[in-house]
Amino acid sequence: MKFLVKPKVNGFRLAKIRECFELFKELDTSGVLSRTYVRELLKGIQRFDLVEKLDVPLLINAESGKRSYFNLRQV
């Protein structure tokens, strides 16, 4: 996934990222994190199962007890 975000994230910062949450945090800081962008990243790494989960409304996630760590802006 790091390869896919190279155009959006500074190369030095990208090299320091080890965990996926750090990548999403950096994308959020850069102002490019959105539900649409995450969907495209997941498709790029062929994680269609996660794309389907991303399309589940956040309210359903809250009712099931799952916590959302990122406020993904819809675009």
PDB file of N, CA and C in Angstrom:
ATOM      1  N   MET A   1       0.824  -1.182   0.000  1.00  0.00           N
ATOM      2  CA  MET A   1       0.000   0.000   0.000  1.00  0.00           C
ATOM      3  C   MET A   1       0.879   1.261   0.000  1.00  0.00           C
ATOM      4  N   LYS A   2       2.044   1.163   0.607  1.00  0.00           N
ATOM      5  CA  LYS A   2       2.943   2.320   0.634  1.00  0.00           C
ATOM      6  C   LYS A   2       3.329   2.756  -0.773  1.00  0.00           C
ATOM      7  N   PHE A   3       3.508   1.787  -1.663  1.00  0.00           N
ATOM      8  CA  PHE A   3       3.851   2.106  -3.044  1.00  0.00           C
ATOM      9  C   PHE A   3       2.753   2.938  -3.706  1.00  0.00           C
ATOM     10  N   LEU A   4       1.500   2.637  -3.387  1.00  0.00           N
ATOM     11  CA  LEU A   4       0.368   3.327  -4.005  1.00  0.00           C
ATOM     12  C   LEU A   4       0.223   4.782  -3.542  1.00  0.00           C
ATOM     13  N   VAL A   5       0.730   5.090  -2.365  1.00  0.00           N
ATOM     14  CA  VAL A   5       0.566   6.452  -1.841  1.00  0.00           C
ATOM     15  C   VAL A   5       1.799   7.329  -2.058  1.00  0.00           C
ATOM     16  N   LYS A   6       2.814   6.805  -2.744  1.00  0.00           N
ATOM     17  CA  LYS A   6       4.038   7.580  -2.966  1.00  0.00           C
ATOM     18  C   LYS A   6       3.788   8.989  -3.500  1.00  0.00           C
ATOM     19  N   PRO A   7       2.876   9.174  -4.458  1.00  0.00           N
ATOM     20  CA  PRO A   7       2.650  10.529  -4.960  1.00  0.00           C
ATOM     21  C   PRO A   7       2.025  11.480  -3.930  1.00  0.00           C
ATOM     22  N   LYS A   8       1.444  10.932  -2.863  1.00  0.00           N
ATOM     23  CA  LYS A   8       0.714  11.756  -1.892  1.00  0.00           C
ATOM     24  C   LYS A   8       1.481  12.025  -0.604  1.00  0.00           C
ATOM     25  N   VAL A   9       2.494  11.201  -0.303  1.00  0.00           N
ATOM     26  CA  VAL A   9       3.191  11.303   0.984  1.00  0.00           C
ATOM     27  C   VAL A   9       4.680  11.531   0.741  1.00  0.00           C
ATOM     28  N   ASN A  10       5.267  12.390   1.536  1.00  0.00           N
ATOM     29  CA  ASN A  10       6.694  12.671   1.485  1.00  0.00           C
ATOM     30  C   ASN A  10       7.486  11.376   1.635  1.00  0.00           C
ATOM     31  N   GLY A  11       8.470  11.170   0.758  1.00  0.00           N
ATOM     32  CA  GLY A  11       9.257   9.937   0.741  1.00  0.00           C
ATOM     33  C   GLY A  11       9.964   9.651   2.051  1.00  0.00           C
ATOM     34  N   PHE A  12      10.485  10.675   2.719  1.00  0.00           N
ATOM     35  CA  PHE A  12      11.169  10.494   4.000  1.00  0.00           C
ATOM     36  C   PHE A  12      10.193   9.978   5.055  1.00  0.00           C
ATOM     37  N   ARG A  13       9.012  10.605   5.110  1.00  0.00           N
ATOM     38  CA  ARG A  13       8.004  10.171   6.081  1.00  0.00           C
ATOM     39  C   ARG A  13       7.501   8.767   5.756  1.00  0.00           C
ATOM     40  N   LEU A  14       7.340   8.496   4.478  1.00  0.00           N
ATOM     41  CA  LEU A  14       6.860   7.191   4.043  1.00  0.00           C
ATOM     42  C   LEU A  14       7.836   6.082   4.461  1.00  0.00           C
ATOM     43  N   ALA A  15       9.116   6.369   4.387  1.00  0.00           N
ATOM     44  CA  ALA A  15      10.134   5.380   4.766  1.00  0.00           C
ATOM     45  C   ALA A  15      10.079   5.042   6.251  1.00  0.00           C
ATOM     46  N   LYS A  16       9.622   5.966   7.071  1.00  0.00           N
ATOM     47  CA  LYS A  16       9.559   5.748   8.514  1.00  0.00           C
ATOM     48  C   LYS A  16       8.304   4.996   8.948  1.00  0.00           C
ATOM     49  N   ILE A  17       7.313   4.920   8.082  1.00  0.00           N
ATOM     50  CA  ILE A  17       6.039   4.280   8.422  1.00  0.00           C
ATOM     51  C   ILE A  17       6.203   2.762   8.432  1.00  0.00           C
ATOM     52  N   ARG A  18       5.778   2.139   9.534  1.00  0.00           N
ATOM     53  CA  ARG A  18       5.881   0.682   9.685  1.00  0.00           C
ATOM     54  C   ARG A  18       4.508   0.011   9.815  1.00  0.00           C
ATOM     55  N   GLU A  19       3.530   0.721  10.298  1.00  0.00           N
ATOM     56  CA  GLU A  19       2.197   0.157  10.546  1.00  0.00           C
ATOM     57  C   GLU A  19       1.156   0.879   9.691  1.00  0.00           C
ATOM     58  N   CYS A  20       0.100   0.164   9.358  1.00  0.00           N
ATOM     59  CA  CYS A  20      -0.935   0.726   8.495  1.00  0.00           C
ATOM     60  C   CYS A  20      -1.604   1.953   9.123  1.00  0.00           C
ATOM     61  N   PHE A  21      -1.836   1.922  10.434  1.00  0.00           N
ATOM     62  CA  PHE A  21      -2.467   3.062  11.074  1.00  0.00           C
ATOM     63  C   PHE A  21      -1.605   4.318  10.946  1.00  0.00           C
ATOM     64  N   GLU A  22      -0.278   4.142  10.927  1.00  0.00           N
ATOM     65  CA  GLU A  22       0.617   5.289  10.737  1.00  0.00           C
ATOM     66  C   GLU A  22       0.446   5.866   9.333  1.00  0.00           C
ATOM     67  N   LEU A  23       0.248   4.997   8.371  1.00  0.00           N
ATOM     68  CA  LEU A  23       0.035   5.442   6.995  1.00  0.00           C
ATOM     69  C   LEU A  23      -1.257   6.241   6.890  1.00  0.00           C
ATOM     70  N   PHE A  24      -2.332   5.728   7.483  1.00  0.00           N
ATOM     71  CA  PHE A  24      -3.606   6.448   7.440  1.00  0.00           C
ATOM     72  C   PHE A  24      -3.528   7.771   8.198  1.00  0.00           C
ATOM     73  N   LYS A  25      -2.793   7.776   9.288  1.00  0.00           N
ATOM     74  CA  LYS A  25      -2.614   9.019  10.054  1.00  0.00           C
ATOM     75  C   LYS A  25      -1.875  10.061   9.207  1.00  0.00           C
ATOM     76  N   GLU A  26      -0.851   9.627   8.485  1.00  0.00           N
ATOM     77  CA  GLU A  26      -0.092  10.536   7.621  1.00  0.00           C
ATOM     78  C   GLU A  26      -0.962  11.044   6.470  1.00  0.00           C
ATOM     79  N   LEU A  27      -1.768  10.160   5.889  1.00  0.00           N
ATOM     80  CA  LEU A  27      -2.680  10.581   4.822  1.00  0.00           C
ATOM     81  C   LEU A  27      -3.695  11.591   5.341  1.00  0.00           C
ATOM     82  N   ASP A  28      -4.174  11.376   6.563  1.00  0.00           N
ATOM     83  CA  ASP A  28      -5.119  12.317   7.160  1.00  0.00           C
ATOM     84  C   ASP A  28      -4.458  13.666   7.392  1.00  0.00           C
ATOM     85  N   THR A  29      -3.228  13.649   7.900  1.00  0.00           N
ATOM     86  CA  THR A  29      -2.483  14.884   8.134  1.00  0.00           C
ATOM     87  C   THR A  29      -2.242  15.635   6.825  1.00  0.00           C
ATOM     88  N   SER A  30      -2.004  14.887   5.761  1.00  0.00           N
ATOM     89  CA  SER A  30      -1.766  15.490   4.446  1.00  0.00           C
ATOM     90  C   SER A  30      -3.044  15.995   3.792  1.00  0.00           C
ATOM     91  N   GLY A  31      -4.184  15.627   4.361  1.00  0.00           N
ATOM     92  CA  GLY A  31      -5.463  16.095   3.823  1.00  0.00           C
ATOM     93  C   GLY A  31      -5.985  15.299   2.640  1.00  0.00           C
ATOM     94  N   VAL A  32      -5.461  14.110   2.413  1.00  0.00           N
ATOM     95  CA  VAL A  32      -5.914  13.303   1.271  1.00  0.00           C
ATOM     96  C   VAL A  32      -6.722  12.080   1.689  1.00  0.00           C
ATOM     97  N   LEU A  33      -6.886  11.866   2.983  1.00  0.00           N
ATOM     98  CA  LEU A  33      -7.616  10.696   3.451  1.00  0.00           C
ATOM     99  C   LEU A  33      -9.113  10.903   3.255  1.00  0.00           C
ATOM    100  N   SER A  34      -9.715  10.045   2.479  1.00  0.00           N
ATOM    101  CA  SER A  34     -11.154  10.048   2.280  1.00  0.00           C
ATOM    102  C   SER A  34     -11.604   8.616   2.072  1.00  0.00           C
ATOM    103  N   ARG A  35     -12.877   8.389   2.212  1.00  0.00           N
ATOM    104  CA  ARG A  35     -13.403   7.046   2.007  1.00  0.00           C
ATOM    105  C   ARG A  35     -13.123   6.578   0.581  1.00  0.00           C
ATOM    106  N   THR A  36     -13.280   7.473  -0.381  1.00  0.00           N
ATOM    107  CA  THR A  36     -13.027   7.132  -1.784  1.00  0.00           C
ATOM    108  C   THR A  36     -11.567   6.745  -1.990  1.00  0.00           C
ATOM    109  N   TYR A  37     -10.648   7.496  -1.403  1.00  0.00           N
ATOM    110  CA  TYR A  37      -9.224   7.209  -1.567  1.00  0.00           C
ATOM    111  C   TYR A  37      -8.852   5.871  -0.923  1.00  0.00           C
ATOM    112  N   VAL A  38      -9.380   5.611   0.263  1.00  0.00           N
ATOM    113  CA  VAL A  38      -9.107   4.344   0.932  1.00  0.00           C
ATOM    114  C   VAL A  38      -9.671   3.189   0.112  1.00  0.00           C
ATOM    115  N   ARG A  39     -10.851   3.378  -0.456  1.00  0.00           N
ATOM    116  CA  ARG A  39     -11.445   2.350  -1.307  1.00  0.00           C
ATOM    117  C   ARG A  39     -10.522   2.019  -2.477  1.00  0.00           C
ATOM    118  N   GLU A  40      -9.968   3.047  -3.112  1.00  0.00           N
ATOM    119  CA  GLU A  40      -9.057   2.830  -4.242  1.00  0.00           C
ATOM    120  C   GLU A  40      -7.763   2.139  -3.807  1.00  0.00           C
ATOM    121  N   LEU A  41      -7.254   2.502  -2.637  1.00  0.00           N
ATOM    122  CA  LEU A  41      -6.052   1.837  -2.116  1.00  0.00           C
ATOM    123  C   LEU A  41      -6.319   0.355  -1.864  1.00  0.00           C
ATOM    124  N   LEU A  42      -7.454   0.057  -1.259  1.00  0.00           N
ATOM    125  CA  LEU A  42      -7.786  -1.336  -0.975  1.00  0.00           C
ATOM    126  C   LEU A  42      -7.977  -2.139  -2.257  1.00  0.00           C
ATOM    127  N   LYS A  43      -8.569  -1.524  -3.255  1.00  0.00           N
ATOM    128  CA  LYS A  43      -8.706  -2.196  -4.551  1.00  0.00           C
ATOM    129  C   LYS A  43      -7.323  -2.427  -5.164  1.00  0.00           C
ATOM    130  N   GLY A  44      -6.418  -1.476  -4.972  1.00  0.00           N
ATOM    131  CA  GLY A  44      -5.066  -1.579  -5.512  1.00  0.00           C
ATOM    132  C   GLY A  44      -4.267  -2.733  -4.935  1.00  0.00           C
ATOM    133  N   ILE A  45      -4.589  -3.122  -3.700  1.00  0.00           N
ATOM    134  CA  ILE A  45      -3.915  -4.272  -3.091  1.00  0.00           C
ATOM    135  C   ILE A  45      -4.824  -5.497  -3.083  1.00  0.00           C
ATOM    136  N   GLN A  46      -5.888  -5.431  -3.840  1.00  0.00           N
ATOM    137  CA  GLN A  46      -6.845  -6.524  -4.043  1.00  0.00           C
ATOM    138  C   GLN A  46      -7.450  -7.039  -2.737  1.00  0.00           C
ATOM    139  N   ARG A  47      -7.813  -6.099  -1.862  1.00  0.00           N
ATOM    140  CA  ARG A  47      -8.506  -6.452  -0.619  1.00  0.00           C
ATOM    141  C   ARG A  47      -9.972  -6.068  -0.747  1.00  0.00           C
ATOM    142  N   PHE A  48     -10.661  -6.781  -1.637  1.00  0.00           N
ATOM    143  CA  PHE A  48     -12.059  -6.493  -1.931  1.00  0.00           C
ATOM    144  C   PHE A  48     -12.955  -6.798  -0.732  1.00  0.00           C
ATOM    145  N   ASP A  49     -12.527  -7.699   0.133  1.00  0.00           N
ATOM    146  CA  ASP A  49     -13.282  -7.985   1.342  1.00  0.00           C
ATOM    147  C   ASP A  49     -13.346  -6.749   2.236  1.00  0.00           C
ATOM    148  N   LEU A  50     -12.255  -5.994   2.306  1.00  0.00           N
ATOM    149  CA  LEU A  50     -12.236  -4.773   3.115  1.00  0.00           C
ATOM    150  C   LEU A  50     -12.983  -3.636   2.433  1.00  0.00           C
ATOM    151  N   VAL A  51     -12.987  -3.621   1.106  1.00  0.00           N
ATOM    152  CA  VAL A  51     -13.769  -2.614   0.377  1.00  0.00           C
ATOM    153  C   VAL A  51     -15.242  -2.773   0.733  1.00  0.00           C
ATOM    154  N   GLU A  52     -15.706  -4.010   0.788  1.00  0.00           N
ATOM    155  CA  GLU A  52     -17.099  -4.270   1.155  1.00  0.00           C
ATOM    156  C   GLU A  52     -17.387  -3.798   2.569  1.00  0.00           C
ATOM    157  N   LYS A  53     -16.467  -4.028   3.487  1.00  0.00           N
ATOM    158  CA  LYS A  53     -16.665  -3.587   4.874  1.00  0.00           C
ATOM    159  C   LYS A  53     -16.646  -2.067   4.978  1.00  0.00           C
ATOM    160  N   LEU A  54     -15.881  -1.427   4.129  1.00  0.00           N
ATOM    161  CA  LEU A  54     -15.811   0.032   4.142  1.00  0.00           C
ATOM    162  C   LEU A  54     -17.155   0.642   3.760  1.00  0.00           C
ATOM    163  N   ASP A  55     -17.929  -0.069   2.948  1.00  0.00           N
ATOM    164  CA  ASP A  55     -19.222   0.432   2.505  1.00  0.00           C
ATOM    165  C   ASP A  55     -20.321   0.273   3.543  1.00  0.00           C
ATOM    166  N   VAL A  56     -20.022  -0.380   4.673  1.00  0.00           N
ATOM    167  CA  VAL A  56     -21.006  -0.525   5.749  1.00  0.00           C
ATOM    168  C   VAL A  56     -21.092   0.799   6.482  1.00  0.00           C
ATOM    169  N   PRO A  57     -22.306   1.325   6.678  1.00  0.00           N
ATOM    170  CA  PRO A  57     -22.440   2.615   7.387  1.00  0.00           C
ATOM    171  C   PRO A  57     -21.812   2.570   8.781  1.00  0.00           C
ATOM    172  N   LEU A  58     -21.256   3.693   9.197  1.00  0.00           N
ATOM    173  CA  LEU A  58     -20.582   3.764  10.493  1.00  0.00           C
ATOM    174  C   LEU A  58     -21.525   3.491  11.651  1.00  0.00           C
ATOM    175  N   LEU A  59     -22.809   3.806  11.490  1.00  0.00           N
ATOM    176  CA  LEU A  59     -23.787   3.566  12.546  1.00  0.00           C
ATOM    177  C   LEU A  59     -23.879   2.076  12.848  1.00  0.00           C
ATOM    178  N   ILE A  60     -23.871   1.246  11.831  1.00  0.00           N
ATOM    179  CA  ILE A  60     -23.917  -0.201  12.033  1.00  0.00           C
ATOM    180  C   ILE A  60     -22.663  -0.660  12.769  1.00  0.00           C
ATOM    181  N   ASN A  61     -21.517  -0.104  12.426  1.00  0.00           N
ATOM    182  CA  ASN A  61     -20.277  -0.442  13.133  1.00  0.00           C
ATOM    183  C   ASN A  61     -20.378  -0.061  14.604  1.00  0.00           C
ATOM    184  N   ALA A  62     -20.972   1.084  14.895  1.00  0.00           N
ATOM    185  CA  ALA A  62     -21.102   1.534  16.277  1.00  0.00           C
ATOM    186  C   ALA A  62     -22.041   0.608  17.052  1.00  0.00           C
ATOM    187  N   GLU A  63     -23.118   0.164  16.403  1.00  0.00           N
ATOM    188  CA  GLU A  63     -24.062  -0.717  17.075  1.00  0.00           C
ATOM    189  C   GLU A  63     -23.451  -2.082  17.373  1.00  0.00           C
ATOM    190  N   SER A  64     -22.539  -2.527  16.539  1.00  0.00           N
ATOM    191  CA  SER A  64     -21.923  -3.838  16.744  1.00  0.00           C
ATOM    192  C   SER A  64     -20.763  -3.773  17.739  1.00  0.00           C
ATOM    193  N   GLY A  65     -20.433  -2.574  18.215  1.00  0.00           N
ATOM    194  CA  GLY A  65     -19.368  -2.433  19.189  1.00  0.00           C
ATOM    195  C   GLY A  65     -18.007  -2.183  18.591  1.00  0.00           C
ATOM    196  N   LYS A  66     -17.919  -2.100  17.269  1.00  0.00           N
ATOM    197  CA  LYS A  66     -16.632  -1.838  16.635  1.00  0.00           C
ATOM    198  C   LYS A  66     -16.313  -0.355  16.760  1.00  0.00           C
ATOM    199  N   ARG A  67     -15.055  -0.045  16.967  1.00  0.00           N
ATOM    200  CA  ARG A  67     -14.635   1.342  17.104  1.00  0.00           C
ATOM    201  C   ARG A  67     -14.043   1.835  15.808  1.00  0.00           C
ATOM    202  N   SER A  68     -14.369   3.050  15.451  1.00  0.00           N
ATOM    203  CA  SER A  68     -13.807   3.676  14.249  1.00  0.00           C
ATOM    204  C   SER A  68     -12.718   4.641  14.699  1.00  0.00           C
ATOM    205  N   TYR A  69     -11.490   4.436  14.220  1.00  0.00           N
ATOM    206  CA  TYR A  69     -10.369   5.265  14.659  1.00  0.00           C
ATOM    207  C   TYR A  69     -10.121   6.455  13.757  1.00  0.00           C
ATOM    208  N   PHE A  70     -10.677   6.425  12.569  1.00  0.00           N
ATOM    209  CA  PHE A  70     -10.438   7.518  11.623  1.00  0.00           C
ATOM    210  C   PHE A  70     -11.754   8.060  11.147  1.00  0.00           C
ATOM    211  N   ASN A  71     -11.854   9.364  11.094  1.00  0.00           N
ATOM    212  CA  ASN A  71     -13.031  10.020  10.579  1.00  0.00           C
ATOM    213  C   ASN A  71     -12.836  10.203   9.084  1.00  0.00           C
ATOM    214  N   LEU A  72     -13.277   9.240   8.293  1.00  0.00           N
ATOM    215  CA  LEU A  72     -13.067   9.283   6.856  1.00  0.00           C
ATOM    216  C   LEU A  72     -14.074  10.234   6.219  1.00  0.00           C
ATOM    217  N   ARG A  73     -13.556  11.227   5.545  1.00  0.00           N
ATOM    218  CA  ARG A  73     -14.422  12.178   4.853  1.00  0.00           C
ATOM    219  C   ARG A  73     -14.928  11.533   3.576  1.00  0.00           C
ATOM    220  N   GLN A  74     -16.232  11.623   3.354  1.00  0.00           N
ATOM    221  CA  GLN A  74     -16.778  11.094   2.107  1.00  0.00           C
ATOM    222  C   GLN A  74     -16.562  12.105   1.005  1.00  0.00           C
ATOM    223  N   VAL A  75     -16.130  11.610  -0.145  1.00  0.00           N
ATOM    224  CA  VAL A  75     -15.890  12.455  -1.311  1.00  0.00           C
ATOM    225  C   VAL A  75     -16.683  11.911  -2.451  1.00  0.00           C
TER     226      VAL A  75
END
